[in-house]
Amino acid sequence: MLSGRGMIFIGGDNLHIISVLVNNYPGVLSRVVGLFSRRGYNIESLAVGTTEKEDISRITLTVEGDDYTVTQVIRQLNKLIDVLKVQNIGARDNVSRELLLVKVGYDSNTRDDIMHIVDTFRAKVIDISMDSLIIEITGDSEKINAFINLISKFEVKELVRTGLVALERGNKSLKEYEGEL
């Protein structure tokens, strides 16, 4: 079982999702993360990937802090070279998801209970061996946290969780921002 210290729960009232569009160049991510380190800000989760435009990447950061702190972070990010656009999309209507992979030990006494949790959460078993299975689940942070809470009653051997990815709802897209970039 995982201890409470080993668990990663993302969520809370002061959690902000910051979307940063950057030029897809070497070293840009390092400068963004370095800003957080130098200022003493903690990154709760981080996800990075290219956008529909190969030369632009989206960095999605989840940070905890009051509105003043997050405003300061956004101001500092906007000053960095190769940062094109910064938005606090957690303050807007958004769709967010995470991916969780968890390896769980099982035996004949626990298999059915584990599978019931998997089915309830619409998760998938993606690998199975004689005494363990790997489960994949995607969803918002609350769903992932609830799944971790239930599955941790069994023998969790390993757990890995991606950073949060999010998009603002509505028809606005990167194309609409091109004039601002």
C-alpha atoms as a PDB file:
ATOM      1  CA  MET A   1       0.000   0.000   0.000  1.00  0.00           C
ATOM      2  CA  LEU A   2       1.092   3.520  -0.613  1.00  0.00           C
ATOM      3  CA  SER A   3       1.516   5.783   2.343  1.00  0.00           C
ATOM      4  CA  GLY A   4      -0.216   9.140   2.433  1.00  0.00           C
ATOM      5  CA  ARG A   5       3.127  10.750   1.755  1.00  0.00           C
ATOM      6  CA  GLY A   6       3.501   8.826  -1.508  1.00  0.00           C
ATOM      7  CA  MET A   7       0.106   9.876  -2.809  1.00  0.00           C
ATOM      8  CA  ILE A   8      -0.200  12.752  -5.216  1.00  0.00           C
ATOM      9  CA  PHE A   9      -3.530  14.495  -4.915  1.00  0.00           C
ATOM     10  CA  ILE A  10      -4.146  17.360  -7.282  1.00  0.00           C
ATOM     11  CA  GLY A  11      -7.013  19.647  -6.427  1.00  0.00           C
ATOM     12  CA  GLY A  12      -7.963  22.432  -4.109  1.00  0.00           C
ATOM     13  CA  ASP A  13      -9.368  25.925  -3.927  1.00  0.00           C
ATOM     14  CA  ASN A  14      -6.080  27.708  -4.647  1.00  0.00           C
ATOM     15  CA  LEU A  15      -5.099  25.559  -7.627  1.00  0.00           C
ATOM     16  CA  HIS A  16      -4.580  27.389 -10.913  1.00  0.00           C
ATOM     17  CA  ILE A  17      -4.091  25.970 -14.405  1.00  0.00           C
ATOM     18  CA  ILE A  18      -1.709  28.113 -16.427  1.00  0.00           C
ATOM     19  CA  SER A  19      -1.444  27.535 -20.168  1.00  0.00           C
ATOM     20  CA  VAL A  20       1.760  28.842 -21.744  1.00  0.00           C
ATOM     21  CA  LEU A  21       2.239  28.905 -25.516  1.00  0.00           C
ATOM     22  CA  VAL A  22       5.931  28.955 -26.420  1.00  0.00           C
ATOM     23  CA  ASN A  23       8.174  28.640 -29.427  1.00  0.00           C
ATOM     24  CA  ASN A  24       9.156  24.998 -29.783  1.00  0.00           C
ATOM     25  CA  TYR A  25      12.885  25.566 -29.286  1.00  0.00           C
ATOM     26  CA  PRO A  26      15.485  23.814 -27.127  1.00  0.00           C
ATOM     27  CA  GLY A  27      15.863  25.380 -23.684  1.00  0.00           C
ATOM     28  CA  VAL A  28      12.470  27.107 -23.519  1.00  0.00           C
ATOM     29  CA  LEU A  29      11.004  24.635 -21.013  1.00  0.00           C
ATOM     30  CA  SER A  30      14.132  24.966 -18.891  1.00  0.00           C
ATOM     31  CA  ARG A  31      13.696  28.759 -18.737  1.00  0.00           C
ATOM     32  CA  VAL A  32      10.021  28.445 -17.767  1.00  0.00           C
ATOM     33  CA  VAL A  33      10.735  25.907 -15.018  1.00  0.00           C
ATOM     34  CA  GLY A  34      13.780  27.907 -13.910  1.00  0.00           C
ATOM     35  CA  LEU A  35      11.583  30.952 -13.330  1.00  0.00           C
ATOM     36  CA  PHE A  36       9.489  28.948 -10.874  1.00  0.00           C
ATOM     37  CA  SER A  37      12.571  27.634  -9.128  1.00  0.00           C
ATOM     38  CA  ARG A  38      14.211  31.062  -8.793  1.00  0.00           C
ATOM     39  CA  ARG A  39      11.030  32.614  -7.400  1.00  0.00           C
ATOM     40  CA  GLY A  40      10.380  29.761  -4.986  1.00  0.00           C
ATOM     41  CA  TYR A  41       7.085  28.750  -6.623  1.00  0.00           C
ATOM     42  CA  ASN A  42       6.138  25.081  -6.632  1.00  0.00           C
ATOM     43  CA  ILE A  43       4.776  23.366  -9.743  1.00  0.00           C
ATOM     44  CA  GLU A  44       2.110  20.816  -8.761  1.00  0.00           C
ATOM     45  CA  SER A  45       1.953  19.276 -12.243  1.00  0.00           C
ATOM     46  CA  LEU A  46       3.509  19.902 -15.634  1.00  0.00           C
ATOM     47  CA  ALA A  47       2.613  18.692 -19.119  1.00  0.00           C
ATOM     48  CA  VAL A  48       4.271  19.759 -22.364  1.00  0.00           C
ATOM     49  CA  GLY A  49       3.548  18.951 -25.983  1.00  0.00           C
ATOM     50  CA  THR A  50       3.409  20.394 -29.452  1.00  0.00           C
ATOM     51  CA  THR A  51       0.221  22.037 -30.629  1.00  0.00           C
ATOM     52  CA  GLU A  52      -1.486  21.807 -34.000  1.00  0.00           C
ATOM     53  CA  LYS A  53       1.330  24.122 -35.140  1.00  0.00           C
ATOM     54  CA  GLU A  54       4.592  22.159 -34.941  1.00  0.00           C
ATOM     55  CA  ASP A  55       6.654  25.251 -34.128  1.00  0.00           C
ATOM     56  CA  ILE A  56       4.532  26.070 -31.044  1.00  0.00           C
ATOM     57  CA  SER A  57       4.336  24.023 -27.839  1.00  0.00           C
ATOM     58  CA  ARG A  58       1.825  24.268 -25.011  1.00  0.00           C
ATOM     59  CA  ILE A  59       3.094  24.028 -21.445  1.00  0.00           C
ATOM     60  CA  THR A  60       0.307  23.341 -18.960  1.00  0.00           C
ATOM     61  CA  LEU A  61       1.315  24.118 -15.393  1.00  0.00           C
ATOM     62  CA  THR A  62      -0.743  23.510 -12.299  1.00  0.00           C
ATOM     63  CA  VAL A  63       0.309  25.776  -9.459  1.00  0.00           C
ATOM     64  CA  GLU A  64      -1.086  26.453  -6.029  1.00  0.00           C
ATOM     65  CA  GLY A  65      -1.280  29.980  -4.721  1.00  0.00           C
ATOM     66  CA  ASP A  66      -3.439  32.988  -4.091  1.00  0.00           C
ATOM     67  CA  ASP A  67      -4.546  35.272  -6.921  1.00  0.00           C
ATOM     68  CA  TYR A  68      -1.727  37.748  -6.262  1.00  0.00           C
ATOM     69  CA  THR A  69       0.953  35.049  -6.505  1.00  0.00           C
ATOM     70  CA  VAL A  70      -0.494  33.614  -9.715  1.00  0.00           C
ATOM     71  CA  THR A  71      -0.721  37.103 -11.242  1.00  0.00           C
ATOM     72  CA  GLN A  72       2.975  37.598 -10.414  1.00  0.00           C
ATOM     73  CA  VAL A  73       3.844  34.240 -12.006  1.00  0.00           C
ATOM     74  CA  ILE A  74       1.972  35.176 -15.182  1.00  0.00           C
ATOM     75  CA  ARG A  75       3.706  38.575 -15.357  1.00  0.00           C
ATOM     76  CA  GLN A  76       7.112  36.930 -14.978  1.00  0.00           C
ATOM     77  CA  LEU A  77       6.297  34.274 -17.597  1.00  0.00           C
ATOM     78  CA  ASN A  78       5.263  36.964 -20.088  1.00  0.00           C
ATOM     79  CA  LYS A  79       8.744  38.512 -19.782  1.00  0.00           C
ATOM     80  CA  LEU A  80      10.541  35.353 -20.908  1.00  0.00           C
ATOM     81  CA  ILE A  81      11.944  35.098 -24.418  1.00  0.00           C
ATOM     82  CA  ASP A  82      10.006  32.646 -26.619  1.00  0.00           C
ATOM     83  CA  VAL A  83       6.881  32.815 -24.441  1.00  0.00           C
ATOM     84  CA  LEU A  84       4.064  33.769 -26.804  1.00  0.00           C
ATOM     85  CA  LYS A  85       0.900  33.701 -24.677  1.00  0.00           C
ATOM     86  CA  VAL A  86       0.104  32.997 -21.017  1.00  0.00           C
ATOM     87  CA  GLN A  87      -3.396  32.357 -19.679  1.00  0.00           C
ATOM     88  CA  ASN A  88      -4.821  31.311 -16.334  1.00  0.00           C
ATOM     89  CA  ILE A  89      -7.372  28.917 -17.813  1.00  0.00           C
ATOM     90  CA  GLY A  90      -8.257  27.531 -14.411  1.00  0.00           C
ATOM     91  CA  ALA A  91     -10.169  30.756 -13.872  1.00  0.00           C
ATOM     92  CA  ARG A  92     -12.188  30.051 -17.029  1.00  0.00           C
ATOM     93  CA  ASP A  93     -14.472  27.285 -18.166  1.00  0.00           C
ATOM     94  CA  ASN A  94     -12.147  24.474 -19.229  1.00  0.00           C
ATOM     95  CA  VAL A  95     -11.862  20.771 -19.883  1.00  0.00           C
ATOM     96  CA  SER A  96      -8.970  19.088 -18.094  1.00  0.00           C
ATOM     97  CA  ARG A  97      -7.699  15.518 -17.968  1.00  0.00           C
ATOM     98  CA  GLU A  98      -4.932  13.422 -16.473  1.00  0.00           C
ATOM     99  CA  LEU A  99      -3.679   9.923 -17.149  1.00  0.00           C
ATOM    100  CA  LEU A 100      -2.861   7.463 -14.375  1.00  0.00           C
ATOM    101  CA  LEU A 101      -1.080   4.128 -14.688  1.00  0.00           C
ATOM    102  CA  VAL A 102      -1.057   1.952 -11.589  1.00  0.00           C
ATOM    103  CA  LYS A 103       0.421  -1.497 -11.031  1.00  0.00           C
ATOM    104  CA  VAL A 104      -1.591  -3.451  -8.476  1.00  0.00           C
ATOM    105  CA  GLY A 105      -0.731  -6.804  -6.944  1.00  0.00           C
ATOM    106  CA  TYR A 106      -3.616  -9.242  -6.718  1.00  0.00           C
ATOM    107  CA  ASP A 107      -4.540 -12.784  -5.777  1.00  0.00           C
ATOM    108  CA  SER A 108      -7.690 -14.868  -6.067  1.00  0.00           C
ATOM    109  CA  ASN A 109      -9.160 -13.109  -3.017  1.00  0.00           C
ATOM    110  CA  THR A 110      -8.715  -9.550  -4.306  1.00  0.00           C
ATOM    111  CA  ARG A 111      -9.056  -9.840  -8.093  1.00  0.00           C
ATOM    112  CA  ASP A 112     -12.845  -9.411  -8.242  1.00  0.00           C
ATOM    113  CA  ASP A 113     -12.813  -6.391  -5.914  1.00  0.00           C
ATOM    114  CA  ILE A 114     -10.101  -4.718  -7.988  1.00  0.00           C
ATOM    115  CA  MET A 115     -11.979  -5.422 -11.231  1.00  0.00           C
ATOM    116  CA  HIS A 116     -15.152  -3.952  -9.723  1.00  0.00           C
ATOM    117  CA  ILE A 117     -13.289  -0.682  -9.055  1.00  0.00           C
ATOM    118  CA  VAL A 118     -11.808  -0.765 -12.575  1.00  0.00           C
ATOM    119  CA  ASP A 119     -15.279  -1.227 -14.097  1.00  0.00           C
ATOM    120  CA  THR A 120     -16.902   1.409 -11.895  1.00  0.00           C
ATOM    121  CA  PHE A 121     -14.361   4.033 -12.991  1.00  0.00           C
ATOM    122  CA  ARG A 122     -14.369   2.889 -16.637  1.00  0.00           C
ATOM    123  CA  ALA A 123     -10.652   2.244 -16.364  1.00  0.00           C
ATOM    124  CA  LYS A 124      -8.791  -0.338 -18.473  1.00  0.00           C
ATOM    125  CA  VAL A 125      -6.517  -3.217 -17.581  1.00  0.00           C
ATOM    126  CA  ILE A 126      -3.677  -2.823 -20.079  1.00  0.00           C
ATOM    127  CA  ASP A 127      -1.290  -5.501 -18.791  1.00  0.00           C
ATOM    128  CA  ILE A 128      -1.729  -8.569 -16.653  1.00  0.00           C
ATOM    129  CA  SER A 129       0.668 -11.098 -15.143  1.00  0.00           C
ATOM    130  CA  MET A 130       0.274 -13.934 -12.668  1.00  0.00           C
ATOM    131  CA  ASP A 131       0.281 -11.639  -9.634  1.00  0.00           C
ATOM    132  CA  SER A 132      -0.151  -8.048 -10.832  1.00  0.00           C
ATOM    133  CA  LEU A 133      -1.981  -5.947 -13.343  1.00  0.00           C
ATOM    134  CA  ILE A 134      -1.493  -2.485 -14.777  1.00  0.00           C
ATOM    135  CA  ILE A 135      -4.539  -0.246 -14.901  1.00  0.00           C
ATOM    136  CA  GLU A 136      -4.968   2.859 -17.066  1.00  0.00           C
ATOM    137  CA  ILE A 137      -7.476   5.570 -16.233  1.00  0.00           C
ATOM    138  CA  THR A 138      -8.072   9.052 -17.603  1.00  0.00           C
ATOM    139  CA  GLY A 139     -10.245  11.759 -16.162  1.00  0.00           C
ATOM    140  CA  ASP A 140     -10.332  14.986 -14.256  1.00  0.00           C
ATOM    141  CA  SER A 141      -8.296  15.334 -11.079  1.00  0.00           C
ATOM    142  CA  GLU A 142     -11.223  14.483  -8.803  1.00  0.00           C
ATOM    143  CA  LYS A 143     -11.841  11.192 -10.614  1.00  0.00           C
ATOM    144  CA  ILE A 144      -8.142  10.286 -10.528  1.00  0.00           C
ATOM    145  CA  ASN A 145      -7.920  11.149  -6.816  1.00  0.00           C
ATOM    146  CA  ALA A 146     -11.017   9.072  -6.016  1.00  0.00           C
ATOM    147  CA  PHE A 147      -9.625   6.106  -7.961  1.00  0.00           C
ATOM    148  CA  ILE A 148      -6.278   6.330  -6.142  1.00  0.00           C
ATOM    149  CA  ASN A 149      -8.088   6.481  -2.817  1.00  0.00           C
ATOM    150  CA  LEU A 150     -10.015   3.260  -3.525  1.00  0.00           C
ATOM    151  CA  ILE A 151      -7.272   1.276  -5.262  1.00  0.00           C
ATOM    152  CA  SER A 152      -4.738   2.100  -2.521  1.00  0.00           C
ATOM    153  CA  LYS A 153      -6.583  -0.321  -0.245  1.00  0.00           C
ATOM    154  CA  PHE A 154      -4.896  -3.044  -2.300  1.00  0.00           C
ATOM    155  CA  GLU A 155      -1.212  -3.736  -2.948  1.00  0.00           C
ATOM    156  CA  VAL A 156      -0.180  -0.770  -5.101  1.00  0.00           C
ATOM    157  CA  LYS A 157       3.275  -1.644  -6.420  1.00  0.00           C
ATOM    158  CA  GLU A 158       3.811   1.410  -8.615  1.00  0.00           C
ATOM    159  CA  LEU A 159       1.865   4.474  -9.614  1.00  0.00           C
ATOM    160  CA  VAL A 160       2.589   7.168 -12.189  1.00  0.00           C
ATOM    161  CA  ARG A 161       0.448  10.153 -13.047  1.00  0.00           C
ATOM    162  CA  THR A 162       0.776  12.658 -15.862  1.00  0.00           C
ATOM    163  CA  GLY A 163       0.490  16.351 -15.454  1.00  0.00           C
ATOM    164  CA  LEU A 164      -2.864  17.939 -16.051  1.00  0.00           C
ATOM    165  CA  VAL A 165      -3.685  18.946 -19.632  1.00  0.00           C
ATOM    166  CA  ALA A 166      -6.465  21.432 -20.261  1.00  0.00           C
ATOM    167  CA  LEU A 167      -8.169  23.447 -22.960  1.00  0.00           C
ATOM    168  CA  GLU A 168     -10.488  26.384 -22.605  1.00  0.00           C
ATOM    169  CA  ARG A 169     -14.075  25.583 -23.614  1.00  0.00           C
ATOM    170  CA  GLY A 170     -15.643  27.303 -26.591  1.00  0.00           C
ATOM    171  CA  ASN A 171     -14.606  27.937 -30.153  1.00  0.00           C
ATOM    172  CA  LYS A 172     -11.517  30.045 -29.451  1.00  0.00           C
ATOM    173  CA  SER A 173      -8.367  28.285 -30.643  1.00  0.00           C
ATOM    174  CA  LEU A 174      -4.708  28.906 -31.341  1.00  0.00           C
ATOM    175  CA  LYS A 175      -5.696  30.362 -34.724  1.00  0.00           C
ATOM    176  CA  GLU A 176      -7.595  33.178 -33.006  1.00  0.00           C
ATOM    177  CA  TYR A 177      -4.512  33.977 -30.944  1.00  0.00           C
ATOM    178  CA  GLU A 178      -2.192  34.144 -33.969  1.00  0.00           C
ATOM    179  CA  GLY A 179      -2.757  37.878 -34.275  1.00  0.00           C
ATOM    180  CA  GLU A 180      -1.594  38.237 -30.680  1.00  0.00           C
ATOM    181  CA  LEU A 181       1.418  35.931 -31.084  1.00  0.00           C
END
